[in-house]
Amino acid sequence: MKKISINDIVTATGGRLIQKSKETFVTGIWHDSREVSEGDMFVAIEGENRDGHMFIPQVVEKGCRTVLVSHTGQWLAELDDTRQAVNAILVEDTVEAMGKLAAWYLKSLDIRRVAVTGSVGKTSTRDMIYYVLGEKYSCGRNLKNYNNNIGLPISIFQFDENTRAAVLEMGMDAFGEIDYLSGIVKPEIGVITNIGVAHMEKLGSRDGIFRAKMEIAGNILPKSEGGTLVFAGDNEFLTKAGTSGDYDQIEVGKEKNADLVISDVDDFGIEGIKFTAVCDGEKAEVKLPVPGTHNAINAGLALAVGKRLGISLEEGAAGLAGAELTGSRLRKIKGKNITIIDDTYNANPDSMKSALDVLKKSEAKRRVAILGDMFELGDQTELLHRGVGVHARKIGIDEVICIGDLAENISEGAVGTHFPDKETFLKVIEDYIREGDLVLVKASRGMALEKIVEKLETL
């Protein structure tokens, strides 16, 4: 991060400096007290279970001399006792103030801005865009999976004067959240990966999900300033007519009328895919070391963003050849006697079926799927879980093991084996795994099935 003066922080946040130290600027901004070091600003956030203000004396002890706060109280009394001089900036809501500061900071940088949302594949697409843009620009992206109203600003504060492009993923589970996040970024290019069924419980229908994702369009720069919406055409929601606005559009798809056409997809299972991309008369063969035929479209979105920012398809393909995805997304792990596909980061019906397809396409003596609950699917929860099980049975997965109350419906569809929780399964896991197996592990993040992955690595 480049230096930000205390005066600029006060102005950008609309806050009030209620206590002052000798420091006149900060060199980093964090909301996690464990990350804070000397010269940083600590953002104290009031959570449901914990108030970040209680950690202020600790961060001050570590050398932090600037804090963003929403109330005074015990923390201030403790500082008075130690007679530590601290810049204390008082605002009404520290999360909202951090968002205002992030918007101000991003605007102060000479940087190309890309925002990514969608039901499935946001992080994968973000990562692929990052590798494509890296062929021409010094590029930044979200830290880890920091894609909400706290994580996005924290990620933005990691950029500096040398960052020339930023690709920022935006998550949501309610109306208004994408509007808020994209309002911070004001992207030159907005990307929508797809409209699925994730968060159906809160958004009611796929139409509701579409409207929530399209909030990104309201903050894309106008066409006169290069504003562009890139989307994966689905002939239902994501169409030229359905996504029109005061910006250019680039449709990516397998249909010949798409602006960037994906064809000739070869699937090598866990080893990755190969496909052909054509756009504006340019053609490139792309080898992607990321498994799943669905990732051909995600890679196409990345290539389309690159084209818009002056990167040829060939250059973009070179970037994609070295792509590595963030976190536990179809990650290949070699155990002692088996191979594991760790896809425990998250799950919904579409991504789970895609992961099963990867498992089926991969070489192995036996293919085993360990699948857990998928959350926030609303009144279609049982049906959508059962549909995943039916898919596993149709494509011929050798063994399907299901964990959790909701996953019992997967088991019914797959005619598989069901366990009420991972602890019960872990007691007998060795009875279900054989030497030479290829094992997929996938569920919603809340199921924490990485514990199963850890055990599998020892088998």
Protein backbone atom coordinates (compact mmCIF):
# COMPACT_ATOMS: atom_id res chain seq x y z
CA MET A 1 0.00 0.00 0.00
CA LYS A 2 1.19 3.53 -0.64
CA LYS A 3 1.19 5.88 2.32
CA ILE A 4 -2.13 7.45 3.31
CA SER A 5 -2.10 10.56 5.47
CA ILE A 6 -4.19 10.72 8.63
CA ASN A 7 -5.90 13.82 7.25
CA ASP A 8 -6.91 11.96 4.09
CA ILE A 9 -8.29 9.07 6.16
CA VAL A 10 -10.39 11.48 8.22
CA THR A 11 -11.69 13.23 5.09
CA ALA A 12 -12.40 10.04 3.11
CA THR A 13 -14.22 8.31 5.98
CA GLY A 14 -16.11 11.37 7.16
CA GLY A 15 -14.70 10.68 10.60
CA ARG A 16 -13.43 12.77 13.48
CA LEU A 17 -9.93 12.67 14.96
CA ILE A 18 -10.62 12.36 18.69
CA GLN A 19 -7.05 11.56 19.75
CA LYS A 20 -3.76 12.26 18.05
CA SER A 21 -0.25 10.80 17.89
CA LYS A 22 2.95 12.01 16.23
CA GLU A 23 2.38 9.71 13.21
CA THR A 24 0.97 11.54 10.21
CA PHE A 25 0.38 8.60 7.85
CA VAL A 26 -0.19 4.84 7.73
CA THR A 27 1.45 2.20 5.54
CA GLY A 28 -1.07 -0.63 5.91
CA ILE A 29 -4.68 -1.25 6.93
CA TRP A 30 -6.01 -4.40 8.62
CA HIS A 31 -9.11 -5.55 10.51
CA ASP A 32 -7.39 -8.63 11.94
CA SER A 33 -5.29 -7.75 14.99
CA ARG A 34 -2.95 -10.65 14.18
CA GLU A 35 -1.97 -8.98 10.89
CA VAL A 36 -1.26 -5.53 12.30
CA SER A 37 2.31 -4.26 12.59
CA GLU A 38 4.08 -0.98 13.22
CA GLY A 39 2.86 1.81 10.93
CA ASP A 40 -0.49 0.15 10.17
CA MET A 41 -4.02 1.30 10.92
CA PHE A 42 -6.26 -1.14 12.79
CA VAL A 43 -9.97 -1.13 11.89
CA ALA A 44 -12.00 -2.13 14.95
CA ILE A 45 -15.14 -3.96 13.81
CA GLU A 46 -18.08 -4.79 16.05
CA GLY A 47 -19.13 -8.35 15.18
CA GLU A 48 -21.99 -10.49 16.39
CA ASN A 49 -19.77 -12.41 18.78
CA ARG A 50 -16.77 -10.17 19.31
CA ASP A 51 -15.98 -6.46 19.39
CA GLY A 52 -12.71 -5.62 17.66
CA HIS A 53 -12.26 -2.60 19.93
CA MET A 54 -11.16 -4.97 22.72
CA PHE A 55 -7.99 -5.72 20.71
CA ILE A 56 -6.87 -2.09 20.42
CA PRO A 57 -4.49 -2.23 23.42
CA GLN A 58 -2.87 -5.33 21.88
CA VAL A 59 -2.25 -3.75 18.47
CA VAL A 60 -0.92 -0.60 20.10
CA GLU A 61 1.52 -2.77 22.03
CA LYS A 62 2.69 -4.13 18.64
CA GLY A 63 3.48 -0.61 17.41
CA CYS A 64 0.20 0.39 15.74
CA ARG A 65 -0.51 4.07 16.30
CA THR A 66 -3.71 4.62 14.29
CA VAL A 67 -7.13 3.06 14.88
CA LEU A 68 -10.49 3.45 13.18
CA VAL A 69 -13.23 3.12 15.80
CA SER A 70 -17.00 3.43 16.20
CA HIS A 71 -17.11 4.02 19.96
CA THR A 72 -14.98 4.97 22.93
CA GLY A 73 -14.97 3.02 26.16
CA GLN A 74 -12.75 0.51 27.94
CA TRP A 75 -10.14 0.41 25.17
CA LEU A 76 -9.61 4.17 25.53
CA ALA A 77 -9.34 3.87 29.30
CA GLU A 78 -6.68 1.17 28.92
CA LEU A 79 -4.68 3.39 26.56
CA ASP A 80 -4.92 6.26 29.03
CA ASP A 81 -3.49 3.97 31.68
CA THR A 82 -0.44 3.22 29.50
CA ARG A 83 -0.29 6.83 28.26
CA GLN A 84 0.07 5.65 24.65
CA ALA A 85 -0.50 8.40 22.05
CA VAL A 86 -2.69 7.04 19.24
CA ASN A 87 -4.50 8.50 16.25
CA ALA A 88 -8.10 7.52 16.99
CA ILE A 89 -10.54 8.26 14.15
CA LEU A 90 -14.16 8.00 15.25
CA VAL A 91 -16.82 7.07 12.67
CA GLU A 92 -20.39 5.84 12.93
CA ASP A 93 -19.71 2.46 11.26
CA THR A 94 -16.14 1.23 10.75
CA VAL A 95 -17.05 -1.25 7.99
CA GLU A 96 -18.84 1.44 5.98
CA ALA A 97 -16.02 3.89 6.63
CA MET A 98 -13.45 1.33 5.47
CA GLY A 99 -15.44 0.93 2.24
CA LYS A 100 -15.40 4.71 1.68
CA LEU A 101 -11.66 4.79 2.29
CA ALA A 102 -11.08 1.88 -0.11
CA ALA A 103 -13.07 3.67 -2.84
CA TRP A 104 -11.02 6.83 -2.28
CA TYR A 105 -7.74 4.91 -2.27
CA LEU A 106 -8.51 2.93 -5.44
CA LYS A 107 -9.46 6.15 -7.22
CA SER A 108 -6.08 7.61 -6.26
CA LEU A 109 -4.27 4.85 -8.20
CA ASP A 110 -3.72 4.77 -11.97
CA ILE A 111 -5.20 1.31 -12.37
CA ARG A 112 -7.45 -0.71 -14.73
CA ARG A 113 -10.31 -2.15 -12.68
CA VAL A 114 -12.12 -5.44 -13.34
CA ALA A 115 -14.96 -6.76 -11.14
CA VAL A 116 -16.16 -10.38 -11.18
CA THR A 117 -19.38 -11.92 -9.86
CA GLY A 118 -21.58 -14.91 -10.62
CA SER A 119 -23.15 -17.94 -8.98
CA VAL A 120 -20.34 -20.39 -9.75
CA GLY A 121 -16.70 -19.95 -10.69
CA LYS A 122 -16.09 -16.42 -9.42
CA THR A 123 -12.74 -17.15 -7.81
CA SER A 124 -11.56 -19.41 -10.62
CA THR A 125 -12.45 -16.78 -13.22
CA ARG A 126 -10.84 -14.04 -11.12
CA ASP A 127 -7.65 -16.08 -10.92
CA MET A 128 -7.64 -16.76 -14.66
CA ILE A 129 -8.13 -13.06 -15.45
CA TYR A 130 -5.23 -12.32 -13.11
CA TYR A 131 -2.95 -14.65 -15.08
CA VAL A 132 -4.08 -13.25 -18.44
CA LEU A 133 -3.61 -9.62 -17.38
CA GLY A 134 -0.25 -10.53 -15.88
CA GLU A 135 1.07 -10.88 -19.43
CA LYS A 136 0.94 -7.08 -19.80
CA TYR A 137 0.23 -5.49 -16.42
CA SER A 138 1.48 -5.65 -12.86
CA CYS A 139 -1.80 -7.11 -11.60
CA GLY A 140 -3.46 -7.44 -8.20
CA ARG A 141 -6.42 -9.49 -6.97
CA ASN A 142 -8.35 -10.26 -3.80
CA LEU A 143 -6.42 -11.74 -0.92
CA LYS A 144 -7.50 -15.38 -0.51
CA ASN A 145 -11.32 -15.44 -0.67
CA TYR A 146 -11.75 -11.88 0.63
CA ASN A 147 -14.77 -10.88 -1.47
CA ASN A 148 -17.24 -9.24 0.94
CA ASN A 149 -17.72 -5.78 2.48
CA ILE A 150 -14.72 -6.32 4.76
CA GLY A 151 -12.43 -8.46 2.63
CA LEU A 152 -12.73 -6.42 -0.57
CA PRO A 153 -11.48 -3.15 0.98
CA ILE A 154 -8.69 -4.98 2.83
CA SER A 155 -7.63 -6.47 -0.53
CA ILE A 156 -7.68 -3.06 -2.21
CA PHE A 157 -5.32 -1.67 0.43
CA GLN A 158 -2.68 -4.17 -0.72
CA PHE A 159 -2.29 -2.40 -4.08
CA ASP A 160 0.26 0.36 -4.60
CA GLU A 161 1.59 2.74 -7.25
CA ASN A 162 3.13 -0.17 -9.17
CA THR A 163 -0.19 -1.99 -9.56
CA ARG A 164 -1.52 -1.33 -13.05
CA ALA A 165 -4.55 -3.64 -13.09
CA ALA A 166 -6.77 -5.14 -10.42
CA VAL A 167 -9.28 -7.96 -10.73
CA LEU A 168 -11.69 -8.06 -7.80
CA GLU A 169 -14.17 -10.81 -7.03
CA MET A 170 -17.46 -9.88 -5.37
CA GLY A 171 -19.58 -12.29 -3.38
CA MET A 172 -23.11 -11.87 -2.09
CA ASP A 173 -26.09 -13.62 -0.56
CA ALA A 174 -28.61 -10.77 -0.52
CA PHE A 175 -29.85 -7.92 -2.69
CA GLY A 176 -27.79 -4.74 -2.57
CA GLU A 177 -24.45 -6.33 -1.75
CA ILE A 178 -23.06 -6.41 -5.30
CA ASP A 179 -24.24 -2.83 -5.78
CA TYR A 180 -22.32 -1.79 -2.66
CA LEU A 181 -19.12 -3.64 -3.57
CA SER A 182 -19.07 -2.59 -7.23
CA GLY A 183 -19.79 0.96 -6.06
CA ILE A 184 -16.47 0.86 -4.22
CA VAL A 185 -14.59 -0.41 -7.27
CA LYS A 186 -16.37 1.43 -10.13
CA PRO A 187 -15.06 -1.16 -12.61
CA GLU A 188 -14.04 -0.46 -16.17
CA ILE A 189 -14.99 -4.07 -16.91
CA GLY A 190 -17.63 -6.11 -15.13
CA VAL A 191 -17.76 -9.90 -15.50
CA ILE A 192 -20.69 -12.24 -14.76
CA THR A 193 -19.77 -15.92 -14.87
CA ASN A 194 -23.29 -17.43 -14.75
CA ILE A 195 -26.68 -17.45 -13.05
CA GLY A 196 -27.07 -20.59 -10.95
CA VAL A 197 -29.02 -21.60 -7.84
CA ALA A 198 -26.60 -20.61 -5.06
CA HIS A 199 -28.32 -18.40 -2.45
CA MET A 200 -31.78 -19.34 -3.72
CA GLU A 201 -32.93 -19.39 -0.10
CA LYS A 202 -32.51 -15.62 0.30
CA LEU A 203 -33.07 -14.47 -3.29
CA GLY A 204 -36.14 -16.60 -4.02
CA SER A 205 -35.56 -17.61 -7.64
CA ARG A 206 -33.03 -17.60 -10.45
CA ASP A 207 -34.61 -14.38 -11.65
CA GLY A 208 -33.84 -12.88 -8.25
CA ILE A 209 -30.27 -14.16 -8.48
CA PHE A 210 -29.96 -12.60 -11.94
CA ARG A 211 -31.19 -9.22 -10.66
CA ALA A 212 -28.75 -9.38 -7.75
CA LYS A 213 -25.78 -10.21 -9.99
CA MET A 214 -26.76 -7.51 -12.49
CA GLU A 215 -26.29 -4.89 -9.79
CA ILE A 216 -22.70 -4.85 -10.98
CA ALA A 217 -23.87 -3.25 -14.24
CA GLY A 218 -25.08 -0.13 -12.46
CA ASN A 219 -21.51 0.75 -11.46
CA ILE A 220 -19.61 -0.09 -14.66
CA LEU A 221 -18.03 2.97 -16.26
CA PRO A 222 -20.07 4.38 -19.17
CA LYS A 223 -19.30 3.29 -22.73
CA SER A 224 -17.61 6.65 -23.38
CA GLU A 225 -15.01 5.72 -20.75
CA GLY A 226 -14.50 2.16 -21.99
CA GLY A 227 -17.08 0.48 -19.78
CA THR A 228 -17.71 -3.16 -20.77
CA LEU A 229 -19.80 -6.06 -19.45
CA VAL A 230 -18.33 -9.49 -20.18
CA PHE A 231 -20.64 -12.45 -19.61
CA ALA A 232 -21.08 -16.13 -20.36
CA GLY A 233 -24.13 -16.33 -22.60
CA ASP A 234 -26.82 -18.75 -21.41
CA ASN A 235 -29.68 -17.93 -23.82
CA GLU A 236 -31.93 -17.31 -20.81
CA PHE A 237 -30.74 -14.60 -18.42
CA LEU A 238 -27.30 -13.65 -19.72
CA THR A 239 -28.09 -12.39 -23.21
CA LYS A 240 -27.25 -9.21 -25.11
CA ALA A 241 -30.83 -7.98 -24.70
CA GLY A 242 -31.11 -8.97 -21.05
CA THR A 243 -27.85 -7.33 -19.99
CA SER A 244 -27.83 -4.17 -22.11
CA GLY A 245 -26.83 -0.79 -20.70
CA ASP A 246 -24.54 2.18 -21.26
CA TYR A 247 -21.51 -0.02 -21.82
CA ASP A 248 -20.13 -2.37 -24.44
CA GLN A 249 -20.93 -6.08 -24.19
CA ILE A 250 -18.77 -9.14 -24.87
CA GLU A 251 -20.57 -12.47 -24.87
CA VAL A 252 -18.52 -15.62 -24.37
CA GLY A 253 -19.94 -19.00 -25.29
CA LYS A 254 -19.93 -22.09 -27.47
CA GLU A 255 -22.54 -20.71 -29.87
CA LYS A 256 -21.17 -19.28 -33.13
CA ASN A 257 -22.95 -15.96 -32.57
CA ALA A 258 -20.95 -15.27 -29.37
CA ASP A 259 -18.29 -12.56 -29.52
CA LEU A 260 -15.65 -14.95 -28.19
CA VAL A 261 -16.34 -18.53 -29.23
CA ILE A 262 -15.10 -21.57 -27.32
CA SER A 263 -14.88 -24.85 -29.28
CA ASP A 264 -13.11 -28.23 -29.53
CA VAL A 265 -12.87 -28.76 -25.77
CA ASP A 266 -10.76 -31.79 -24.79
CA ASP A 267 -11.07 -33.00 -21.20
CA PHE A 268 -8.10 -34.70 -19.52
CA GLY A 269 -9.75 -35.05 -16.13
CA ILE A 270 -7.72 -33.83 -13.19
CA GLU A 271 -4.83 -32.95 -15.56
CA GLY A 272 -6.78 -30.10 -17.17
CA ILE A 273 -8.38 -29.21 -20.50
CA LYS A 274 -7.56 -27.93 -23.98
CA PHE A 275 -9.79 -25.80 -26.22
CA THR A 276 -9.89 -23.35 -29.11
CA ALA A 277 -10.81 -19.69 -28.67
CA VAL A 278 -11.81 -17.37 -31.54
CA CYS A 279 -12.48 -13.63 -31.26
CA ASP A 280 -12.45 -10.84 -33.83
CA GLY A 281 -10.75 -13.07 -36.40
CA GLU A 282 -8.01 -14.13 -33.99
CA LYS A 283 -7.66 -17.79 -33.03
CA ALA A 284 -5.68 -19.49 -30.25
CA GLU A 285 -5.25 -23.00 -28.89
CA VAL A 286 -5.43 -22.91 -25.10
CA LYS A 287 -4.00 -25.48 -22.73
CA LEU A 288 -5.38 -24.93 -19.24
CA PRO A 289 -3.88 -26.84 -16.28
CA VAL A 290 -7.21 -26.50 -14.45
CA PRO A 291 -9.66 -29.42 -14.57
CA GLY A 292 -13.27 -29.29 -15.70
CA THR A 293 -14.79 -28.55 -19.11
CA HIS A 294 -16.84 -25.78 -17.45
CA ASN A 295 -13.56 -23.92 -16.96
CA ALA A 296 -13.24 -23.45 -20.73
CA ILE A 297 -15.95 -20.78 -20.47
CA ASN A 298 -14.32 -19.23 -17.40
CA ALA A 299 -11.03 -19.09 -19.27
CA GLY A 300 -12.86 -17.57 -22.23
CA LEU A 301 -14.14 -14.79 -19.97
CA ALA A 302 -10.54 -14.14 -18.92
CA LEU A 303 -9.41 -14.00 -22.54
CA ALA A 304 -12.23 -11.58 -23.37
CA VAL A 305 -11.17 -9.26 -20.55
CA GLY A 306 -7.61 -9.48 -21.83
CA LYS A 307 -8.66 -8.61 -25.38
CA ARG A 308 -10.49 -5.55 -24.08
CA LEU A 309 -7.34 -4.43 -22.29
CA GLY A 310 -4.98 -4.94 -25.24
CA ILE A 311 -3.83 -8.53 -24.71
CA SER A 312 -4.01 -10.87 -27.71
CA LEU A 313 -5.53 -14.34 -27.47
CA GLU A 314 -2.07 -15.87 -27.90
CA GLU A 315 -0.69 -13.76 -25.05
CA GLY A 316 -3.70 -14.61 -22.92
CA ALA A 317 -3.27 -18.32 -23.65
CA ALA A 318 0.33 -18.08 -22.47
CA GLY A 319 -0.87 -16.62 -19.20
CA LEU A 320 -3.52 -19.30 -18.74
CA ALA A 321 -0.94 -22.04 -19.27
CA GLY A 322 0.51 -21.18 -15.87
CA ALA A 323 -2.74 -20.57 -14.01
CA GLU A 324 -3.13 -21.86 -10.46
CA LEU A 325 -6.41 -21.54 -8.57
CA THR A 326 -6.74 -20.11 -5.08
CA GLY A 327 -7.67 -22.43 -2.22
CA SER A 328 -9.13 -25.94 -2.29
CA ARG A 329 -10.67 -25.91 -5.76
CA LEU A 330 -10.21 -29.18 -7.65
CA ARG A 331 -6.75 -29.40 -6.11
CA LYS A 332 -4.87 -32.60 -6.86
CA ILE A 333 -3.12 -34.16 -3.86
CA LYS A 334 -1.02 -37.31 -3.89
CA GLY A 335 -1.59 -39.43 -0.79
CA LYS A 336 0.46 -42.44 0.20
CA ASN A 337 -1.59 -44.91 -1.82
CA ILE A 338 -4.41 -42.82 -3.33
CA THR A 339 -4.96 -39.54 -5.17
CA ILE A 340 -7.32 -36.89 -3.79
CA ILE A 341 -9.26 -34.15 -5.54
CA ASP A 342 -9.69 -31.53 -2.81
CA ASP A 343 -12.67 -29.34 -3.71
CA THR A 344 -13.75 -28.54 -0.16
CA TYR A 345 -13.81 -24.76 -0.51
CA ASN A 346 -17.53 -24.59 -1.29
CA ALA A 347 -20.30 -26.27 -3.25
CA ASN A 348 -23.60 -25.84 -5.01
CA PRO A 349 -25.41 -28.23 -7.36
CA ASP A 350 -23.76 -26.96 -10.55
CA SER A 351 -20.21 -27.02 -9.20
CA MET A 352 -20.75 -30.41 -7.57
CA LYS A 353 -21.92 -31.95 -10.85
CA SER A 354 -18.94 -30.39 -12.64
CA ALA A 355 -16.57 -31.84 -10.04
CA LEU A 356 -18.15 -35.27 -10.51
CA ASP A 357 -17.57 -34.94 -14.26
CA VAL A 358 -13.88 -34.21 -13.59
CA LEU A 359 -13.71 -37.29 -11.39
CA LYS A 360 -15.29 -39.44 -14.09
CA LYS A 361 -12.92 -38.18 -16.79
CA SER A 362 -9.80 -38.84 -14.71
CA GLU A 363 -7.72 -42.01 -14.93
CA ALA A 364 -8.03 -44.23 -11.85
CA LYS A 365 -8.55 -47.80 -10.69
CA ARG A 366 -11.68 -46.69 -8.87
CA ARG A 367 -13.46 -43.35 -8.56
CA VAL A 368 -14.89 -42.38 -5.18
CA ALA A 369 -16.92 -39.26 -4.34
CA ILE A 370 -17.26 -38.07 -0.74
CA LEU A 371 -19.98 -35.42 -0.83
CA GLY A 372 -21.48 -33.28 1.92
CA ASP A 373 -24.34 -30.85 2.50
CA MET A 374 -24.93 -27.84 0.23
CA PHE A 375 -26.45 -24.83 2.00
CA GLU A 376 -28.75 -21.90 1.08
CA LEU A 377 -30.76 -23.70 -1.60
CA GLY A 378 -34.19 -22.76 -0.28
CA ASP A 379 -37.29 -24.88 -0.82
CA GLN A 380 -35.55 -26.87 -3.57
CA THR A 381 -32.89 -28.19 -1.21
CA GLU A 382 -33.94 -31.84 -1.18
CA LEU A 383 -34.58 -31.95 -4.93
CA LEU A 384 -31.27 -30.33 -5.83
CA HIS A 385 -29.29 -32.64 -3.55
CA ARG A 386 -31.05 -35.68 -4.98
CA GLY A 387 -30.27 -34.42 -8.50
CA VAL A 388 -26.55 -34.44 -7.71
CA GLY A 389 -26.85 -38.05 -6.60
CA VAL A 390 -28.71 -39.04 -9.75
CA HIS A 391 -25.98 -37.38 -11.82
CA ALA A 392 -23.28 -39.36 -9.99
CA ARG A 393 -25.16 -42.59 -10.64
CA LYS A 394 -25.76 -41.80 -14.33
CA ILE A 395 -22.11 -41.07 -15.13
CA GLY A 396 -20.95 -44.16 -13.27
CA ILE A 397 -19.04 -43.03 -10.17
CA ASP A 398 -17.87 -46.23 -8.49
CA GLU A 399 -18.70 -45.25 -4.93
CA VAL A 400 -20.60 -42.28 -3.50
CA ILE A 401 -20.28 -41.54 0.22
CA CYS A 402 -22.53 -38.81 1.59
CA ILE A 403 -22.08 -36.87 4.82
CA GLY A 404 -24.64 -34.71 6.61
CA ASP A 405 -28.40 -34.43 6.98
CA LEU A 406 -29.02 -32.79 3.60
CA ALA A 407 -26.58 -35.10 1.82
CA GLU A 408 -28.81 -38.04 2.64
CA ASN A 409 -30.78 -36.91 -0.40
CA ILE A 410 -27.60 -37.21 -2.53
CA SER A 411 -27.22 -40.74 -1.21
CA GLU A 412 -30.77 -41.59 -2.21
CA GLY A 413 -30.22 -40.33 -5.75
CA ALA A 414 -26.89 -42.07 -6.11
CA VAL A 415 -27.87 -45.21 -4.21
CA GLY A 416 -24.79 -44.51 -2.12
CA THR A 417 -23.69 -44.73 1.51
CA HIS A 418 -24.75 -42.12 4.07
CA PHE A 419 -23.18 -40.93 7.33
CA PRO A 420 -24.79 -38.35 9.63
CA ASP A 421 -21.51 -36.47 10.16
CA LYS A 422 -17.82 -36.55 9.27
CA GLU A 423 -16.80 -37.78 12.72
CA THR A 424 -18.81 -40.97 12.23
CA PHE A 425 -17.31 -41.53 8.79
CA LEU A 426 -13.74 -40.84 9.94
CA LYS A 427 -14.01 -43.77 12.37
CA VAL A 428 -14.51 -46.21 9.48
CA ILE A 429 -12.90 -44.34 6.56
CA GLU A 430 -10.29 -47.06 5.96
CA ASP A 431 -13.07 -49.55 5.22
CA TYR A 432 -14.17 -47.50 2.20
CA ILE A 433 -10.87 -46.48 0.58
CA ARG A 434 -8.66 -48.82 -1.47
CA GLU A 435 -5.17 -48.51 -2.87
CA GLY A 436 -5.20 -46.74 -6.24
CA ASP A 437 -8.47 -44.88 -5.60
CA LEU A 438 -9.10 -41.37 -6.92
CA VAL A 439 -11.20 -39.62 -4.27
CA LEU A 440 -13.18 -36.39 -4.72
CA VAL A 441 -14.13 -34.50 -1.55
CA LYS A 442 -16.66 -31.69 -1.90
CA ALA A 443 -19.29 -29.86 0.20
CA SER A 444 -20.33 -26.39 1.29
CA ARG A 445 -17.67 -24.60 3.30
CA GLY A 446 -19.56 -24.97 6.56
CA MET A 447 -19.14 -28.75 6.45
CA ALA A 448 -15.36 -28.41 6.95
CA LEU A 449 -14.60 -31.60 5.00
CA GLU A 450 -10.93 -30.65 4.84
CA LYS A 451 -10.68 -32.84 7.94
CA ILE A 452 -11.47 -35.78 5.68
CA VAL A 453 -8.85 -34.64 3.16
CA GLU A 454 -6.26 -34.52 5.92
CA LYS A 455 -7.08 -38.10 6.90
CA LEU A 456 -7.07 -39.31 3.28
CA GLU A 457 -3.53 -37.95 2.83
CA THR A 458 -2.32 -40.48 5.39
CA LEU A 459 -3.95 -43.51 3.70
